[in-house]
Amino acid sequence: MTASILVVDDEPDLEVLVLQRFRKQIREGSINFVFARDGLEALHSIERHPQVDLVIMDINMPRMDGLSLLARLQEREDKKSVIIVSAYSDMSNIRTAMNRGAFDFLTKPIDFADLEATIRKTLHHIAVLREARQRQAEAERAHASLSRYFSPELAKRLAADGDDDDMQVRWRDIAVIFTDITGFTSLVETAAPEVLAELLNEYVGGLTDVVFAHDGTVAKVIGDAIQVLFNAPGDQDDYAMRAIVCAQELDKWAEEFRIRWKRKGVEFGATRIGVHAGPALVGNFGGDRFFDFTAYGDTVNTAARLEAANKTFGTRICVSDAVASGAGDFRGRPVGDLVLRGRSEPLRAHEPLSAAAFSAPATARYVEAFSKLKTHCASAMPAFAALVGVHADDPLASYHLRRLLNGANGIRIEVR
């Protein structure tokens, strides 16, 4: 690559001396020189030759001196590296030149061996800076592109140079969110393609924005379903709480979305959400040719089963005791002990609540009724009946009352 150097000096013999000294480099094509007689001519020359890498200039010149030119060059977006070569070598001029961005300062009369060594050093510095800027620009472009598809944390790690250790498959404690839409298959069969495309794009985009706002990682988008990971790929000490808060925000956004589209005449189903925490195999499962950062294991399967369990209870969010306990100050109410297919041990499930709902008297009455159900107390049925009588829109209380009326005993619930 040819380095382009602008020499700015009003001495008439300097151009001949420079061309004579560097004739070999010029002949080889490693250096190309451009000449100007003063600061103003130098600025015009840079406009004509924007590829100039290095400016070598005197201080004492007509029309515009070297220090003024140096200040003007530093105002440009494409700042040029500058070597001052001047007979004015007092400390005041040296300090002014260096403070205005000069890379080096040489004195006259010119020692051409010293000048040649300084040029080599400066051009090496320029090459290092150029390479660093290029890497940064490439990383920024890669990050911008990846951020369209991956969570910001994952995009940052993918765009960064160096070790991709966080992408390797390993066991890791995580929290998982699964979402799904009620009656989506029927909607696909009845909605016009353009309406469905607009609907899904807005829906998936909105949910993804909520996930990213809580620093979650969207691992999969499969039609109307989304799988979200917390504490992966990076560490998040509060991942359980993040997952629960994110689930509640997803629910809020999805309900507003559903109501908004209902006003347009489109019956969009409720979004069901399941949340669980535990160990899982996490990493890139796509091999060398395909990137698929996701998680596998019982923790992931359980989160999916909790999402499906909402159909049974009439709820929209169902979280496991593992994630509720890990969240610390969890606000919610118990659902029951779920006996999942293929598992012998029951799983305690909860419904997270907003601060207002958690503090409401109805929640305290529900918890009291649930405690009676847990201990097989005969007064559980009238307790739930009273709740349903006052709060007919409480699907969970209605569900437990139906179970009691059908002869159920206790809080164990089989979920297929």
Foldseek 3Di string as FASTA:
>chain_A
DAAEEEEEAQDPCVVVVVCVVCVVCVVVRNYDYDYHHALVRVVVVCVVVVRHAEYEYEQDGPPHGDLRSLLVLLPDPPRHAYEYEYQPPDPVVVVSNVVSPHPYYHYPPDDVVVVVVVVVVVVVVSVVVVVVVVLVVQLVVQLVVVVVPKANVVSNLVSDDDDNVLQDWDKDKKKKKKKDFPPVVVLVVPDDPVVLVVLQVVLVVVLVVLCSVLVWIFQDDDPRMTMIIFCPSHGDLLRLQSVVVSLVVSQVVQVVSQVVVVVVVRRTGHMAMFMEIDIWTFHFPPPPPDGRTDTDDPRHVVSVLQSVCCVLQVDRYKYWPHSQVSNPPFQWAWLFFEDEPPDDGTITITDGDDPVVSPDPLRVLVNVLLVCLQVQHPCSLVSLVVSCVVVVPRSSSVSVNVCVVVPDGHRYDYRD
